[in-house]
Amino acid sequence: DGVNDAPALKKANVGVAVAEASDAARSAADIVLTEPGLSVIIEALLASRQIFQRMRNYAIYTCSVTIRVVVGFAILIFAFKFDFPPFMVLILAILNDGTIMTISKDRVKPSPYPNEWNLFEIFFSAIVYGLYLTASTVAFFAIIVKTNFFQDKFGVQHFENLPNGGGYNDRILHSIIYLQVSTISQALIFITRSRGLFFTERPSLILVAAFMIAQLVATFISVYANWGFTEIRGCGWHWAGIVWIWNIIWFFPLDAVKFGIQAYFDPIRKRAIEEVMDRTPSTKDQVERRKSTLGGSATPSVLPSRRRSTMVGTDKEKRRDTLATAASYYAPHTRSFSVAHKHRNFARILNMDGEAANPVHADKDGLRRFSIVQ
């Protein structure tokens, strides 16, 4: 907070100046706290993890929907000669984008681990979700055109293969597949936004409202639309009910798919944190306490000091709780951060031969003072 802290703040990967800091400390810091105390740092960490979680949810959802649309319709085209109307793909994109924009206001829980942008995890999750949704569409289409299951159980019409290689390009079937793809694709956002069961983490009201409005629009389009220019005709409420029931059945196992992905990546993330913590310069006692905290052991693996040995049981429990909280905020990846480029070396640049036409000559101490003030 003082003038003498400015060089340390400048050298640090992330320099933080408190609210009452001097002007020199403020200018050298990367972050300036606006409220007294250090508790706002924890609030900033939690807020940043929430923002990161929203970005991660959006990335996984968008990639998953892209994979399911490309792969799913490619299989339908080559296997069943089913030509889905391009205009309906545009409607899908508009409704999906309108809904997903509300994720910026979503209620999310911050990650229990320090965040890291892991592209492999994002693409792996997106591929798994996308292929699962693709399987739901292809299986639904195959049951409709290759069996009489829905016709026998619900009394709906059967679709025949058109002559002369026309494939299964009935206008009503176009509406049915559009509704199936739209509803389960947008419902995926409730899976990607949560770490536990999707119904245990309440989404924001604006996200739920956007989803309901978009799916009501999609349902009414598939039930009533009769658009000759895009080859669709209303399928009726019987088929709409079948589609919704089918998608609900396929939706619930998505939580199990998510837990399988987490079971694979969480141990890898935990081991990476432990390895970085071991490499972090600190005393042996600090390293062992951090490892024991992450490992969930009840007591540290090092011998207690004289001061700690005199603590009562409740004090030790409070200390362990404090360590557990600190470990959850510990960011092991800060060592890989590069200091943000700032024009703080103006004095040094002026004095470099060849960098300026008229170099300024000053002693080392003068340059250092000038750099700090600047």
Protein backbone atom coordinates (compact mmCIF):
# COMPACT_ATOMS: atom_id res chain seq x y z
CA ASP A 1 0.00 0.00 0.00
CA GLY A 2 3.01 2.31 0.32
CA VAL A 3 5.44 3.87 -2.14
CA ASN A 4 8.10 1.30 -1.25
CA ASP A 5 5.77 -1.51 -2.38
CA ALA A 6 5.58 -0.21 -5.95
CA PRO A 7 8.62 -2.17 -7.27
CA ALA A 8 7.25 -5.42 -5.80
CA LEU A 9 3.82 -4.77 -7.28
CA LYS A 10 5.42 -4.07 -10.64
CA LYS A 11 7.48 -7.26 -10.55
CA ALA A 12 4.64 -9.54 -9.41
CA ASN A 13 2.61 -11.56 -11.90
CA VAL A 14 -0.55 -10.00 -10.49
CA GLY A 15 0.01 -6.95 -8.30
CA VAL A 16 -2.85 -5.99 -5.97
CA ALA A 17 -3.12 -2.58 -4.30
CA VAL A 18 -5.54 -2.02 -1.42
CA ALA A 19 -8.14 0.73 -1.37
CA GLU A 20 -6.03 3.09 0.76
CA ALA A 21 -2.83 2.56 -1.26
CA SER A 22 -0.65 5.41 -2.43
CA ASP A 23 -0.76 6.71 -5.98
CA ALA A 24 2.58 5.06 -6.78
CA ALA A 25 1.32 1.66 -5.60
CA ARG A 26 -1.92 2.09 -7.53
CA SER A 27 -0.11 2.91 -10.76
CA ALA A 28 2.20 -0.10 -10.40
CA ALA A 29 -0.55 -2.59 -9.51
CA ASP A 30 -2.55 -4.69 -11.93
CA ILE A 31 -5.61 -4.72 -9.65
CA VAL A 32 -6.75 -1.90 -7.37
CA LEU A 33 -9.25 -2.80 -4.66
CA THR A 34 -12.09 -0.33 -4.29
CA GLU A 35 -13.25 -1.42 -0.83
CA PRO A 36 -11.29 -1.70 2.43
CA GLY A 37 -9.91 -5.07 3.43
CA LEU A 38 -8.78 -8.12 1.48
CA SER A 39 -12.06 -10.04 1.43
CA VAL A 40 -12.94 -8.50 -1.92
CA ILE A 41 -10.14 -10.60 -3.46
CA ILE A 42 -12.11 -13.74 -2.61
CA GLU A 43 -15.24 -12.19 -4.11
CA ALA A 44 -13.29 -11.34 -7.25
CA LEU A 45 -12.02 -14.92 -7.50
CA LEU A 46 -15.52 -16.32 -7.15
CA ALA A 47 -16.93 -13.86 -9.70
CA SER A 48 -14.16 -14.63 -12.19
CA ARG A 49 -14.75 -18.37 -11.80
CA GLN A 50 -18.45 -17.83 -12.44
CA ILE A 51 -17.66 -15.90 -15.62
CA PHE A 52 -15.26 -18.62 -16.70
CA GLN A 53 -17.90 -21.27 -16.01
CA ARG A 54 -20.44 -19.46 -18.20
CA MET A 55 -17.91 -19.24 -21.04
CA ARG A 56 -17.07 -22.93 -20.66
CA ASN A 57 -20.76 -23.91 -20.67
CA TYR A 58 -21.34 -21.85 -23.79
CA ALA A 59 -18.35 -23.37 -25.59
CA ILE A 60 -19.36 -26.95 -24.81
CA TYR A 61 -22.99 -26.33 -25.76
CA THR A 62 -22.17 -24.59 -29.04
CA CYS A 63 -19.66 -27.22 -30.15
CA SER A 64 -22.04 -30.04 -29.18
CA VAL A 65 -24.93 -28.60 -31.20
CA THR A 66 -22.66 -28.02 -34.19
CA ILE A 67 -21.43 -31.62 -34.10
CA ARG A 68 -24.94 -33.04 -33.71
CA VAL A 69 -26.31 -31.00 -36.64
CA VAL A 70 -23.44 -31.79 -39.01
CA VAL A 71 -23.04 -35.48 -38.14
CA GLY A 72 -26.74 -36.18 -37.61
CA PHE A 73 -27.99 -34.73 -40.87
CA ALA A 74 -25.04 -36.22 -42.76
CA ILE A 75 -26.06 -39.70 -41.59
CA LEU A 76 -29.70 -39.06 -42.51
CA ILE A 77 -28.70 -37.83 -45.96
CA PHE A 78 -26.40 -40.72 -46.87
CA ALA A 79 -28.27 -43.53 -45.09
CA PHE A 80 -31.90 -42.56 -45.75
CA LYS A 81 -31.66 -39.90 -48.50
CA PHE A 82 -33.40 -37.48 -46.15
CA ASP A 83 -32.91 -33.88 -47.29
CA PHE A 84 -33.64 -31.59 -44.35
CA PRO A 85 -34.76 -28.12 -45.51
CA PRO A 86 -31.93 -25.56 -45.18
CA PHE A 87 -34.39 -22.86 -44.12
CA MET A 88 -35.30 -24.91 -41.05
CA VAL A 89 -31.62 -25.13 -40.14
CA LEU A 90 -31.66 -21.32 -40.15
CA ILE A 91 -34.67 -21.31 -37.82
CA LEU A 92 -32.81 -23.74 -35.54
CA ALA A 93 -29.79 -21.44 -35.43
CA ILE A 94 -31.85 -18.32 -34.69
CA LEU A 95 -33.78 -19.90 -31.82
CA ASN A 96 -30.67 -21.55 -30.38
CA ASP A 97 -28.63 -18.34 -30.50
CA GLY A 98 -31.44 -16.32 -28.98
CA THR A 99 -31.69 -18.75 -26.09
CA ILE A 100 -27.98 -19.21 -25.46
CA MET A 101 -27.40 -15.44 -25.18
CA THR A 102 -29.22 -15.52 -21.85
CA ILE A 103 -26.47 -17.71 -20.39
CA SER A 104 -24.56 -14.50 -19.60
CA LYS A 105 -27.11 -13.92 -16.81
CA ASP A 106 -27.24 -17.52 -15.66
CA ARG A 107 -26.80 -18.62 -12.04
CA VAL A 108 -23.71 -20.82 -11.90
CA LYS A 109 -21.60 -22.27 -9.12
CA PRO A 110 -17.88 -21.47 -9.24
CA SER A 111 -15.56 -24.38 -9.85
CA PRO A 112 -14.03 -26.00 -6.73
CA TYR A 113 -10.70 -26.11 -8.57
CA PRO A 114 -8.62 -23.28 -10.05
CA ASN A 115 -9.83 -22.77 -13.60
CA GLU A 116 -7.75 -23.56 -16.65
CA TRP A 117 -8.82 -23.37 -20.28
CA ASN A 118 -8.55 -27.03 -21.30
CA LEU A 119 -9.48 -27.28 -24.97
CA PHE A 120 -9.13 -31.06 -24.97
CA GLU A 121 -11.75 -31.37 -22.23
CA ILE A 122 -14.11 -28.96 -24.01
CA PHE A 123 -13.85 -30.69 -27.38
CA PHE A 124 -14.01 -34.15 -25.84
CA SER A 125 -17.17 -33.23 -23.93
CA ALA A 126 -18.69 -31.61 -27.01
CA ILE A 127 -17.98 -34.67 -29.16
CA VAL A 128 -19.52 -37.04 -26.61
CA TYR A 129 -22.65 -34.90 -26.17
CA GLY A 130 -22.94 -34.29 -29.91
CA LEU A 131 -22.71 -37.98 -30.79
CA TYR A 132 -25.25 -38.84 -28.10
CA LEU A 133 -27.74 -36.32 -29.49
CA THR A 134 -27.01 -37.59 -32.99
CA ALA A 135 -27.84 -41.12 -31.87
CA SER A 136 -31.17 -39.91 -30.46
CA THR A 137 -32.15 -38.36 -33.80
CA VAL A 138 -30.96 -41.23 -36.01
CA ALA A 139 -32.63 -43.84 -33.79
CA PHE A 140 -35.89 -41.86 -33.76
CA PHE A 141 -35.85 -41.49 -37.54
CA ALA A 142 -35.05 -45.17 -38.10
CA ILE A 143 -37.90 -46.31 -35.83
CA ILE A 144 -40.32 -44.05 -37.70
CA VAL A 145 -39.45 -45.17 -41.23
CA LYS A 146 -38.28 -48.76 -40.67
CA THR A 147 -40.82 -50.00 -38.11
CA ASN A 148 -44.49 -49.60 -37.25
CA PHE A 149 -43.91 -49.02 -33.54
CA PHE A 150 -45.34 -45.50 -33.31
CA GLN A 151 -48.08 -46.32 -35.80
CA ASP A 152 -49.25 -49.36 -33.81
CA LYS A 153 -48.97 -47.74 -30.37
CA PHE A 154 -50.29 -44.25 -31.10
CA GLY A 155 -52.19 -44.62 -34.37
CA VAL A 156 -50.13 -42.09 -36.32
CA GLN A 157 -49.39 -42.26 -40.01
CA HIS A 158 -46.60 -44.26 -41.64
CA PHE A 159 -44.05 -42.75 -44.02
CA GLU A 160 -43.04 -44.59 -47.17
CA ASN A 161 -39.89 -44.31 -49.23
CA LEU A 162 -40.65 -42.09 -52.20
CA PRO A 163 -40.27 -43.66 -55.65
CA ASN A 164 -37.44 -42.92 -58.08
CA GLY A 165 -34.90 -42.53 -55.31
CA GLY A 166 -36.79 -39.74 -53.58
CA GLY A 167 -35.92 -41.01 -50.12
CA TYR A 168 -37.97 -40.28 -47.01
CA ASN A 169 -38.66 -36.64 -47.81
CA ASP A 170 -42.21 -36.25 -46.61
CA ARG A 171 -43.11 -32.70 -45.56
CA ILE A 172 -44.64 -33.88 -42.29
CA LEU A 173 -41.50 -35.88 -41.51
CA HIS A 174 -39.46 -32.70 -41.99
CA SER A 175 -41.53 -31.00 -39.28
CA ILE A 176 -41.17 -33.97 -36.92
CA ILE A 177 -37.38 -34.10 -37.21
CA TYR A 178 -37.15 -30.33 -36.85
CA LEU A 179 -38.99 -30.44 -33.52
CA GLN A 180 -36.92 -33.38 -32.27
CA VAL A 181 -33.62 -31.68 -33.09
CA SER A 182 -34.69 -28.32 -31.67
CA THR A 183 -35.99 -29.43 -28.27
CA ILE A 184 -33.28 -31.85 -27.17
CA SER A 185 -30.49 -29.64 -28.53
CA GLN A 186 -31.55 -26.64 -26.47
CA ALA A 187 -32.22 -28.79 -23.42
CA LEU A 188 -28.52 -29.70 -23.43
CA ILE A 189 -27.70 -26.32 -21.88
CA PHE A 190 -29.22 -27.48 -18.58
CA ILE A 191 -26.74 -30.37 -18.56
CA THR A 192 -23.60 -28.41 -19.44
CA ARG A 193 -24.33 -25.59 -16.96
CA SER A 194 -24.36 -27.85 -13.88
CA ARG A 195 -21.77 -30.07 -12.23
CA GLY A 196 -24.30 -32.25 -10.41
CA LEU A 197 -27.77 -33.40 -11.39
CA PHE A 198 -29.33 -30.77 -13.62
CA PHE A 199 -32.31 -30.18 -11.29
CA THR A 200 -30.12 -29.54 -8.23
CA GLU A 201 -28.71 -26.25 -9.60
CA ARG A 202 -31.47 -23.79 -10.36
CA PRO A 203 -30.93 -21.84 -13.58
CA SER A 204 -31.76 -18.18 -13.95
CA LEU A 205 -35.35 -17.28 -14.73
CA ILE A 206 -34.35 -15.53 -17.94
CA LEU A 207 -32.69 -18.71 -19.24
CA VAL A 208 -35.74 -20.83 -18.41
CA ALA A 209 -38.07 -18.27 -19.98
CA ALA A 210 -35.99 -18.07 -23.16
CA PHE A 211 -35.94 -21.88 -23.43
CA MET A 212 -39.70 -22.17 -22.96
CA ILE A 213 -40.48 -19.42 -25.47
CA ALA A 214 -38.12 -20.87 -28.08
CA GLN A 215 -39.56 -24.37 -27.72
CA LEU A 216 -43.14 -23.13 -27.80
CA VAL A 217 -42.32 -21.40 -31.08
CA ALA A 218 -40.65 -24.56 -32.42
CA THR A 219 -43.61 -26.71 -31.35
CA PHE A 220 -46.19 -24.44 -32.98
CA ILE A 221 -44.12 -24.29 -36.17
CA SER A 222 -43.94 -28.08 -36.40
CA VAL A 223 -47.63 -28.53 -35.55
CA TYR A 224 -49.26 -25.81 -37.66
CA ALA A 225 -46.78 -24.52 -40.25
CA ASN A 226 -47.58 -25.24 -43.89
CA TRP A 227 -44.73 -23.64 -45.77
CA GLY A 228 -44.41 -24.90 -49.29
CA PHE A 229 -41.25 -22.91 -50.00
CA THR A 230 -39.34 -24.88 -47.37
CA GLU A 231 -41.02 -28.29 -47.74
CA ILE A 232 -42.70 -28.60 -44.32
CA ARG A 233 -46.28 -29.22 -43.22
CA GLY A 234 -47.85 -29.40 -39.77
CA CYS A 235 -47.45 -32.79 -38.11
CA GLY A 236 -50.25 -32.39 -35.55
CA TRP A 237 -50.24 -32.69 -31.78
CA HIS A 238 -49.98 -36.49 -31.74
CA TRP A 239 -46.54 -36.44 -33.35
CA ALA A 240 -45.52 -33.42 -31.26
CA GLY A 241 -46.36 -35.33 -28.07
CA ILE A 242 -44.39 -38.36 -29.30
CA VAL A 243 -41.38 -36.15 -30.00
CA TRP A 244 -41.47 -34.55 -26.56
CA ILE A 245 -41.77 -37.92 -24.79
CA TRP A 246 -38.92 -39.33 -26.87
CA ASN A 247 -36.66 -36.38 -26.05
CA ILE A 248 -37.46 -36.53 -22.33
CA ILE A 249 -36.49 -40.21 -22.29
CA TRP A 250 -33.16 -39.42 -23.97
CA PHE A 251 -32.56 -36.31 -21.86
CA PHE A 252 -32.21 -37.88 -18.41
CA PRO A 253 -29.24 -40.18 -19.26
CA LEU A 254 -27.27 -37.07 -20.24
CA ASP A 255 -26.45 -36.56 -16.56
CA ALA A 256 -24.84 -40.01 -16.48
CA VAL A 257 -22.81 -39.07 -19.57
CA LYS A 258 -21.69 -35.88 -17.82
CA PHE A 259 -20.65 -37.76 -14.68
CA GLY A 260 -18.61 -40.15 -16.81
CA ILE A 261 -16.74 -37.24 -18.40
CA GLN A 262 -16.12 -35.68 -14.99
CA ALA A 263 -14.87 -38.98 -13.58
CA TYR A 264 -12.23 -39.01 -16.30
CA PHE A 265 -11.07 -35.38 -16.11
CA ASP A 266 -11.37 -34.53 -12.38
CA PRO A 267 -8.53 -36.85 -11.24
CA ILE A 268 -6.32 -35.48 -14.02
CA ARG A 269 -7.03 -31.91 -12.93
CA LYS A 270 -6.40 -32.78 -9.30
CA ARG A 271 -3.06 -34.44 -10.08
CA ALA A 272 -2.01 -31.41 -12.13
CA ILE A 273 -2.80 -29.11 -9.20
CA GLU A 274 -0.83 -31.28 -6.80
CA GLU A 275 2.18 -31.42 -9.13
CA VAL A 276 2.25 -27.65 -9.55
CA MET A 277 1.85 -27.15 -5.82
CA ASP A 278 4.85 -29.40 -5.23
CA ARG A 279 6.92 -27.28 -7.61
CA THR A 280 5.80 -24.00 -6.10
CA PRO A 281 8.56 -22.45 -3.95
CA SER A 282 7.44 -22.78 -0.35
CA THR A 283 8.49 -24.41 2.85
CA LYS A 284 8.19 -28.15 3.23
CA ASP A 285 5.53 -27.65 5.87
CA GLN A 286 3.38 -25.60 3.48
CA VAL A 287 3.70 -28.14 0.68
CA GLU A 288 2.72 -31.02 2.94
CA ARG A 289 -0.24 -29.14 4.38
CA ARG A 290 -1.51 -28.25 0.91
CA LYS A 291 -1.17 -31.84 -0.26
CA SER A 292 -2.95 -33.15 2.82
CA THR A 293 -5.72 -30.59 2.36
CA LEU A 294 -6.30 -31.56 -1.27
CA GLY A 295 -6.08 -35.23 -0.39
CA GLY A 296 -8.71 -34.83 2.29
CA SER A 297 -6.59 -36.25 5.11
CA ALA A 298 -7.59 -35.28 8.58
CA THR A 299 -4.13 -34.31 9.83
CA PRO A 300 -1.01 -33.02 8.09
CA SER A 301 1.77 -35.48 7.37
CA VAL A 302 4.39 -33.30 9.06
CA LEU A 303 5.18 -33.10 12.74
CA PRO A 304 3.33 -30.25 14.45
CA SER A 305 5.31 -27.34 15.71
CA ARG A 306 5.42 -26.31 19.37
CA ARG A 307 2.85 -23.62 18.79
CA ARG A 308 0.44 -25.89 16.92
CA SER A 309 0.79 -28.67 19.47
CA THR A 310 -0.66 -26.41 22.15
CA MET A 311 -3.84 -25.75 20.21
CA VAL A 312 -7.06 -27.27 21.41
CA GLY A 313 -9.11 -29.52 19.12
CA THR A 314 -11.50 -26.80 18.04
CA ASP A 315 -8.66 -24.50 17.04
CA LYS A 316 -7.09 -27.25 14.94
CA GLU A 317 -10.40 -27.86 13.20
CA LYS A 318 -10.74 -24.16 12.46
CA ARG A 319 -7.20 -24.14 11.10
CA ARG A 320 -7.92 -27.09 8.83
CA ASP A 321 -11.10 -25.39 7.59
CA THR A 322 -9.08 -22.27 6.85
CA LEU A 323 -6.49 -24.30 4.95
CA ALA A 324 -9.21 -26.06 2.98
CA THR A 325 -10.74 -22.72 2.03
CA ALA A 326 -7.35 -21.29 1.08
CA ALA A 327 -6.54 -24.35 -1.03
CA SER A 328 -9.76 -23.92 -2.99
CA TYR A 329 -8.70 -20.36 -3.89
CA TYR A 330 -5.09 -21.31 -4.63
CA ALA A 331 -4.30 -20.79 -8.31
CA PRO A 332 -1.40 -23.04 -9.32
CA HIS A 333 -1.29 -21.74 -12.87
CA THR A 334 -0.25 -18.19 -12.03
CA ARG A 335 3.41 -19.09 -12.48
CA SER A 336 2.76 -19.56 -16.19
CA PHE A 337 1.17 -16.13 -16.53
CA SER A 338 3.22 -13.51 -18.28
CA VAL A 339 3.25 -10.02 -16.86
CA ALA A 340 0.94 -7.82 -18.89
CA HIS A 341 2.74 -5.42 -21.18
CA LYS A 342 2.62 -1.92 -19.81
CA HIS A 343 4.60 1.18 -20.64
CA ARG A 344 6.50 1.21 -17.36
CA ASN A 345 10.03 1.08 -18.79
CA PHE A 346 9.90 4.42 -20.52
CA ALA A 347 13.06 5.63 -18.81
CA ARG A 348 15.01 2.55 -19.85
CA ILE A 349 13.81 2.87 -23.46
CA LEU A 350 14.94 6.48 -23.58
CA ASN A 351 18.44 5.51 -22.45
CA MET A 352 18.94 2.59 -24.90
CA ASP A 353 21.47 3.21 -27.68
CA GLY A 354 19.85 2.88 -31.07
CA GLU A 355 16.33 3.03 -29.67
CA ALA A 356 16.19 6.80 -29.56
CA ALA A 357 17.84 9.49 -31.59
CA ASN A 358 18.88 11.49 -28.50
CA PRO A 359 19.40 9.03 -25.65
CA VAL A 360 18.95 10.44 -22.17
CA HIS A 361 21.92 9.88 -19.89
CA ALA A 362 21.10 9.25 -16.25
CA ASP A 363 22.50 7.13 -13.48
CA LYS A 364 20.95 3.81 -12.48
CA ASP A 365 19.28 5.12 -9.33
CA GLY A 366 17.77 8.03 -11.19
CA LEU A 367 16.34 5.75 -13.86
CA ARG A 368 14.84 3.48 -11.21
CA ARG A 369 13.19 6.39 -9.41
CA PHE A 370 11.89 7.80 -12.67
CA SER A 371 10.49 4.41 -13.68
CA ILE A 372 8.70 4.02 -10.34
CA VAL A 373 7.16 7.47 -10.54
CA GLN A 374 6.20 6.97 -14.18
